[in-house]
Amino acid sequence: MNRLDWTDVLGEEAPAGIAVLDSDLQIALATLLAESQQRQRSQLEAALEAALGHVPRVLRGAVRRVLFP
């Protein structure tokens, strides 16, 4: 198997410890990182929606536009 391009996964070169792993382990690690990032995004989105629940409904659209342009 080919080595992963860690700049796509991490946004930068892989640390030396990752670079020495075999391809299968690198793929498994990249998969775990992608799943973790997705889970984090989902939890953050849920937390933001919960926080917006404290804003009066009439103002929520305006508050979203200010916070997330």
PDB file of N, CA and C in Angstrom:
ATOM      1  N   MET A   1       0.830  -1.191   0.000  1.00  0.00           N
ATOM      2  CA  MET A   1       0.000   0.000   0.000  1.00  0.00           C
ATOM      3  C   MET A   1       0.868   1.245   0.000  1.00  0.00           C
ATOM      4  N   ASN A   2       0.308   2.306  -0.510  1.00  0.00           N
ATOM      5  CA  ASN A   2       1.028   3.572  -0.531  1.00  0.00           C
ATOM      6  C   ASN A   2       0.945   4.268   0.818  1.00  0.00           C
ATOM      7  N   ARG A   3       1.929   5.079   1.092  1.00  0.00           N
ATOM      8  CA  ARG A   3       1.912   5.893   2.306  1.00  0.00           C
ATOM      9  C   ARG A   3       0.867   6.991   2.145  1.00  0.00           C
ATOM     10  N   LEU A   4       0.277   7.375   3.252  1.00  0.00           N
ATOM     11  CA  LEU A   4      -0.702   8.455   3.235  1.00  0.00           C
ATOM     12  C   LEU A   4      -0.005   9.791   3.096  1.00  0.00           C
ATOM     13  N   ASP A   5      -0.692  10.740   2.500  1.00  0.00           N
ATOM     14  CA  ASP A   5      -0.207  12.107   2.493  1.00  0.00           C
ATOM     15  C   ASP A   5      -0.791  12.774   3.736  1.00  0.00           C
ATOM     16  N   TRP A   6       0.003  12.860   4.782  1.00  0.00           N
ATOM     17  CA  TRP A   6      -0.487  13.358   6.073  1.00  0.00           C
ATOM     18  C   TRP A   6      -0.806  14.842   6.038  1.00  0.00           C
ATOM     19  N   THR A   7      -0.323  15.557   5.031  1.00  0.00           N
ATOM     20  CA  THR A   7      -0.704  16.966   4.945  1.00  0.00           C
ATOM     21  C   THR A   7      -2.202  17.088   4.676  1.00  0.00           C
ATOM     22  N   ASP A   8      -2.792  16.100   3.998  1.00  0.00           N
ATOM     23  CA  ASP A   8      -4.243  16.098   3.780  1.00  0.00           C
ATOM     24  C   ASP A   8      -4.996  15.792   5.072  1.00  0.00           C
ATOM     25  N   VAL A   9      -4.422  14.937   5.903  1.00  0.00           N
ATOM     26  CA  VAL A   9      -5.086  14.505   7.128  1.00  0.00           C
ATOM     27  C   VAL A   9      -4.883  15.512   8.253  1.00  0.00           C
ATOM     28  N   LEU A  10      -3.647  15.930   8.464  1.00  0.00           N
ATOM     29  CA  LEU A  10      -3.298  16.787   9.593  1.00  0.00           C
ATOM     30  C   LEU A  10      -3.159  18.266   9.237  1.00  0.00           C
ATOM     31  N   GLY A  11      -3.001  18.538   7.954  1.00  0.00           N
ATOM     32  CA  GLY A  11      -2.746  19.916   7.545  1.00  0.00           C
ATOM     33  C   GLY A  11      -1.267  20.275   7.620  1.00  0.00           C
ATOM     34  N   GLU A  12      -0.451  19.294   7.919  1.00  0.00           N
ATOM     35  CA  GLU A  12       1.001  19.496   8.006  1.00  0.00           C
ATOM     36  C   GLU A  12       1.686  18.141   7.869  1.00  0.00           C
ATOM     37  N   GLU A  13       3.005  18.161   7.817  1.00  0.00           N
ATOM     38  CA  GLU A  13       3.756  16.910   7.716  1.00  0.00           C
ATOM     39  C   GLU A  13       3.535  16.062   8.963  1.00  0.00           C
ATOM     40  N   ALA A  14       3.615  14.770   8.793  1.00  0.00           N
ATOM     41  CA  ALA A  14       3.445  13.850   9.914  1.00  0.00           C
ATOM     42  C   ALA A  14       4.651  13.921  10.837  1.00  0.00           C
ATOM     43  N   PRO A  15       4.405  13.840  12.140  1.00  0.00           N
ATOM     44  CA  PRO A  15       5.532  13.724  13.066  1.00  0.00           C
ATOM     45  C   PRO A  15       6.320  12.452  12.762  1.00  0.00           C
ATOM     46  N   ALA A  16       7.539  12.411  13.176  1.00  0.00           N
ATOM     47  CA  ALA A  16       8.414  11.268  12.881  1.00  0.00           C
ATOM     48  C   ALA A  16       7.818   9.956  13.376  1.00  0.00           C
ATOM     49  N   GLY A  17       7.149   9.972  14.510  1.00  0.00           N
ATOM     50  CA  GLY A  17       6.556   8.752  15.049  1.00  0.00           C
ATOM     51  C   GLY A  17       5.487   8.157  14.160  1.00  0.00           C
ATOM     52  N   ILE A  18       4.761   8.991  13.455  1.00  0.00           N
ATOM     53  CA  ILE A  18       3.725   8.501  12.538  1.00  0.00           C
ATOM     54  C   ILE A  18       4.355   8.016  11.245  1.00  0.00           C
ATOM     55  N   ALA A  19       5.349   8.734  10.790  1.00  0.00           N
ATOM     56  CA  ALA A  19       5.981   8.406   9.511  1.00  0.00           C
ATOM     57  C   ALA A  19       6.618   7.017   9.506  1.00  0.00           C
ATOM     58  N   VAL A  20       7.005   6.509  10.678  1.00  0.00           N
ATOM     59  CA  VAL A  20       7.666   5.195  10.709  1.00  0.00           C
ATOM     60  C   VAL A  20       6.681   4.035  10.789  1.00  0.00           C
ATOM     61  N   LEU A  21       5.396   4.303  10.999  1.00  0.00           N
ATOM     62  CA  LEU A  21       4.392   3.239  11.041  1.00  0.00           C
ATOM     63  C   LEU A  21       4.192   2.637   9.662  1.00  0.00           C
ATOM     64  N   ASP A  22       3.830   1.362   9.630  1.00  0.00           N
ATOM     65  CA  ASP A  22       3.559   0.767   8.322  1.00  0.00           C
ATOM     66  C   ASP A  22       2.236   1.321   7.770  1.00  0.00           C
ATOM     67  N   SER A  23       1.994   1.078   6.508  1.00  0.00           N
ATOM     68  CA  SER A  23       0.849   1.673   5.805  1.00  0.00           C
ATOM     69  C   SER A  23      -0.482   1.321   6.433  1.00  0.00           C
ATOM     70  N   ASP A  24      -0.650   0.069   6.840  1.00  0.00           N
ATOM     71  CA  ASP A  24      -1.927  -0.344   7.442  1.00  0.00           C
ATOM     72  C   ASP A  24      -2.208   0.425   8.724  1.00  0.00           C
ATOM     73  N   LEU A  25      -1.190   0.599   9.553  1.00  0.00           N
ATOM     74  CA  LEU A  25      -1.378   1.348  10.796  1.00  0.00           C
ATOM     75  C   LEU A  25      -1.634   2.830  10.515  1.00  0.00           C
ATOM     76  N   GLN A  26      -0.982   3.365   9.519  1.00  0.00           N
ATOM     77  CA  GLN A  26      -1.220   4.764   9.155  1.00  0.00           C
ATOM     78  C   GLN A  26      -2.663   4.963   8.689  1.00  0.00           C
ATOM     79  N   ILE A  27      -3.166   4.033   7.909  1.00  0.00           N
ATOM     80  CA  ILE A  27      -4.548   4.120   7.428  1.00  0.00           C
ATOM     81  C   ILE A  27      -5.525   4.005   8.600  1.00  0.00           C
ATOM     82  N   ALA A  28      -5.250   3.084   9.514  1.00  0.00           N
ATOM     83  CA  ALA A  28      -6.115   2.933  10.693  1.00  0.00           C
ATOM     84  C   ALA A  28      -6.107   4.204  11.530  1.00  0.00           C
ATOM     85  N   LEU A  29      -4.939   4.778  11.728  1.00  0.00           N
ATOM     86  CA  LEU A  29      -4.829   6.020  12.496  1.00  0.00           C
ATOM     87  C   LEU A  29      -5.557   7.164  11.802  1.00  0.00           C
ATOM     88  N   ALA A  30      -5.395   7.275  10.496  1.00  0.00           N
ATOM     89  CA  ALA A  30      -6.082   8.332   9.739  1.00  0.00           C
ATOM     90  C   ALA A  30      -7.595   8.174   9.838  1.00  0.00           C
ATOM     91  N   THR A  31      -8.070   6.932   9.795  1.00  0.00           N
ATOM     92  CA  THR A  31      -9.503   6.662   9.916  1.00  0.00           C
ATOM     93  C   THR A  31     -10.011   7.084  11.295  1.00  0.00           C
ATOM     94  N   LEU A  32      -9.278   6.719  12.337  1.00  0.00           N
ATOM     95  CA  LEU A  32      -9.658   7.107  13.696  1.00  0.00           C
ATOM     96  C   LEU A  32      -9.671   8.625  13.858  1.00  0.00           C
ATOM     97  N   LEU A  33      -8.681   9.297  13.277  1.00  0.00           N
ATOM     98  CA  LEU A  33      -8.637  10.760  13.354  1.00  0.00           C
ATOM     99  C   LEU A  33      -9.825  11.387  12.635  1.00  0.00           C
ATOM    100  N   ALA A  34     -10.154  10.882  11.460  1.00  0.00           N
ATOM    101  CA  ALA A  34     -11.284  11.422  10.700  1.00  0.00           C
ATOM    102  C   ALA A  34     -12.591  11.219  11.457  1.00  0.00           C
ATOM    103  N   GLU A  35     -12.775  10.041  12.046  1.00  0.00           N
ATOM    104  CA  GLU A  35     -13.990   9.764  12.820  1.00  0.00           C
ATOM    105  C   GLU A  35     -14.065  10.669  14.044  1.00  0.00           C
ATOM    106  N   SER A  36     -12.944  10.871  14.684  1.00  0.00           N
ATOM    107  CA  SER A  36     -12.892  11.731  15.868  1.00  0.00           C
ATOM    108  C   SER A  36     -13.218  13.177  15.506  1.00  0.00           C
ATOM    109  N   GLN A  37     -12.672  13.645  14.398  1.00  0.00           N
ATOM    110  CA  GLN A  37     -12.951  15.014  13.958  1.00  0.00           C
ATOM    111  C   GLN A  37     -14.421  15.185  13.612  1.00  0.00           C
ATOM    112  N   GLN A  38     -15.012  14.198  12.974  1.00  0.00           N
ATOM    113  CA  GLN A  38     -16.435  14.258  12.633  1.00  0.00           C
ATOM    114  C   GLN A  38     -17.295  14.278  13.888  1.00  0.00           C
ATOM    115  N   ARG A  39     -16.948  13.437  14.852  1.00  0.00           N
ATOM    116  CA  ARG A  39     -17.678  13.389  16.119  1.00  0.00           C
ATOM    117  C   ARG A  39     -17.564  14.723  16.857  1.00  0.00           C
ATOM    118  N   GLN A  40     -16.375  15.314  16.826  1.00  0.00           N
ATOM    119  CA  GLN A  40     -16.161  16.604  17.477  1.00  0.00           C
ATOM    120  C   GLN A  40     -16.998  17.693  16.807  1.00  0.00           C
ATOM    121  N   ARG A  41     -17.031  17.699  15.470  1.00  0.00           N
ATOM    122  CA  ARG A  41     -17.849  18.683  14.749  1.00  0.00           C
ATOM    123  C   ARG A  41     -19.319  18.536  15.101  1.00  0.00           C
ATOM    124  N   SER A  42     -19.799  17.288  15.167  1.00  0.00           N
ATOM    125  CA  SER A  42     -21.205  17.040  15.497  1.00  0.00           C
ATOM    126  C   SER A  42     -21.539  17.504  16.908  1.00  0.00           C
ATOM    127  N   GLN A  43     -20.659  17.220  17.850  1.00  0.00           N
ATOM    128  CA  GLN A  43     -20.893  17.628  19.228  1.00  0.00           C
ATOM    129  C   GLN A  43     -20.844  19.146  19.374  1.00  0.00           C
ATOM    130  N   LEU A  44     -19.944  19.783  18.666  1.00  0.00           N
ATOM    131  CA  LEU A  44     -19.861  21.243  18.704  1.00  0.00           C
ATOM    132  C   LEU A  44     -21.125  21.866  18.124  1.00  0.00           C
ATOM    133  N   GLU A  45     -21.598  21.314  17.016  1.00  0.00           N
ATOM    134  CA  GLU A  45     -22.831  21.818  16.403  1.00  0.00           C
ATOM    135  C   GLU A  45     -24.019  21.659  17.354  1.00  0.00           C
ATOM    136  N   ALA A  46     -24.104  20.516  18.019  1.00  0.00           N
ATOM    137  CA  ALA A  46     -25.190  20.285  18.976  1.00  0.00           C
ATOM    138  C   ALA A  46     -25.095  21.255  20.149  1.00  0.00           C
ATOM    139  N   ALA A  47     -23.891  21.513  20.624  1.00  0.00           N
ATOM    140  CA  ALA A  47     -23.705  22.447  21.735  1.00  0.00           C
ATOM    141  C   ALA A  47     -24.090  23.867  21.325  1.00  0.00           C
ATOM    142  N   LEU A  48     -23.738  24.249  20.108  1.00  0.00           N
ATOM    143  CA  LEU A  48     -24.097  25.591  19.629  1.00  0.00           C
ATOM    144  C   LEU A  48     -25.610  25.735  19.496  1.00  0.00           C
ATOM    145  N   GLU A  49     -26.255  24.696  18.989  1.00  0.00           N
ATOM    146  CA  GLU A  49     -27.722  24.733  18.871  1.00  0.00           C
ATOM    147  C   GLU A  49     -28.366  24.820  20.248  1.00  0.00           C
ATOM    148  N   ALA A  50     -27.818  24.076  21.210  1.00  0.00           N
ATOM    149  CA  ALA A  50     -28.351  24.124  22.574  1.00  0.00           C
ATOM    150  C   ALA A  50     -28.169  25.521  23.166  1.00  0.00           C
ATOM    151  N   ALA A  51     -27.020  26.132  22.907  1.00  0.00           N
ATOM    152  CA  ALA A  51     -26.764  27.482  23.413  1.00  0.00           C
ATOM    153  C   ALA A  51     -27.724  28.485  22.776  1.00  0.00           C
ATOM    154  N   LEU A  52     -27.997  28.318  21.498  1.00  0.00           N
ATOM    155  CA  LEU A  52     -28.927  29.224  20.822  1.00  0.00           C
ATOM    156  C   LEU A  52     -30.348  29.050  21.349  1.00  0.00           C
ATOM    157  N   GLY A  53     -30.621  27.935  21.998  1.00  0.00           N
ATOM    158  CA  GLY A  53     -31.925  27.713  22.593  1.00  0.00           C
ATOM    159  C   GLY A  53     -32.230  28.715  23.701  1.00  0.00           C
ATOM    160  N   HIS A  54     -31.202  29.368  24.208  1.00  0.00           N
ATOM    161  CA  HIS A  54     -31.390  30.379  25.254  1.00  0.00           C
ATOM    162  C   HIS A  54     -31.688  31.754  24.670  1.00  0.00           C
ATOM    163  N   VAL A  55     -31.523  31.879  23.374  1.00  0.00           N
ATOM    164  CA  VAL A  55     -31.807  33.146  22.689  1.00  0.00           C
ATOM    165  C   VAL A  55     -33.272  33.111  22.253  1.00  0.00           C
ATOM    166  N   PRO A  56     -33.983  34.198  22.439  1.00  0.00           N
ATOM    167  CA  PRO A  56     -35.384  34.216  21.986  1.00  0.00           C
ATOM    168  C   PRO A  56     -35.476  33.813  20.509  1.00  0.00           C
ATOM    169  N   ARG A  57     -36.473  32.997  20.205  1.00  0.00           N
ATOM    170  CA  ARG A  57     -36.639  32.437  18.864  1.00  0.00           C
ATOM    171  C   ARG A  57     -36.609  33.514  17.777  1.00  0.00           C
ATOM    172  N   VAL A  58     -37.222  34.633  18.042  1.00  0.00           N
ATOM    173  CA  VAL A  58     -37.293  35.721  17.056  1.00  0.00           C
ATOM    174  C   VAL A  58     -35.902  36.237  16.684  1.00  0.00           C
ATOM    175  N   LEU A  59     -34.942  36.143  17.596  1.00  0.00           N
ATOM    176  CA  LEU A  59     -33.601  36.678  17.362  1.00  0.00           C
ATOM    177  C   LEU A  59     -32.594  35.640  16.894  1.00  0.00           C
ATOM    178  N   ARG A  60     -32.945  34.380  16.907  1.00  0.00           N
ATOM    179  CA  ARG A  60     -31.971  33.325  16.612  1.00  0.00           C
ATOM    180  C   ARG A  60     -31.335  33.448  15.231  1.00  0.00           C
ATOM    181  N   GLY A  61     -32.127  33.753  14.227  1.00  0.00           N
ATOM    182  CA  GLY A  61     -31.568  33.905  12.870  1.00  0.00           C
ATOM    183  C   GLY A  61     -30.536  35.012  12.818  1.00  0.00           C
ATOM    184  N   ALA A  62     -30.847  36.140  13.431  1.00  0.00           N
ATOM    185  CA  ALA A  62     -29.912  37.273  13.442  1.00  0.00           C
ATOM    186  C   ALA A  62     -28.649  36.916  14.231  1.00  0.00           C
ATOM    187  N   VAL A  63     -28.825  36.237  15.358  1.00  0.00           N
ATOM    188  CA  VAL A  63     -27.666  35.847  16.173  1.00  0.00           C
ATOM    189  C   VAL A  63     -26.788  34.866  15.402  1.00  0.00           C
ATOM    190  N   ARG A  64     -27.393  33.913  14.698  1.00  0.00           N
ATOM    191  CA  ARG A  64     -26.613  32.976  13.870  1.00  0.00           C
ATOM    192  C   ARG A  64     -25.806  33.724  12.813  1.00  0.00           C
ATOM    193  N   ARG A  65     -26.439  34.695  12.161  1.00  0.00           N
ATOM    194  CA  ARG A  65     -25.736  35.443  11.103  1.00  0.00           C
ATOM    195  C   ARG A  65     -24.574  36.240  11.672  1.00  0.00           C
ATOM    196  N   VAL A  66     -24.715  36.759  12.887  1.00  0.00           N
ATOM    197  CA  VAL A  66     -23.626  37.526  13.510  1.00  0.00           C
ATOM    198  C   VAL A  66     -22.502  36.591  13.935  1.00  0.00           C
ATOM    199  N   LEU A  67     -22.848  35.466  14.544  1.00  0.00           N
ATOM    200  CA  LEU A  67     -21.834  34.549  15.048  1.00  0.00           C
ATOM    201  C   LEU A  67     -21.167  33.722  13.963  1.00  0.00           C
ATOM    202  N   PHE A  68     -21.906  33.403  12.913  1.00  0.00           N
ATOM    203  CA  PHE A  68     -21.391  32.532  11.855  1.00  0.00           C
ATOM    204  C   PHE A  68     -21.597  33.157  10.493  1.00  0.00           C
ATOM    205  N   PRO A  69     -20.803  34.177  10.192  1.00  0.00           N
ATOM    206  CA  PRO A  69     -20.995  34.902   8.914  1.00  0.00           C
ATOM    207  C   PRO A  69     -20.723  34.068   7.691  1.00  0.00           C
TER     208      PRO A  69
END
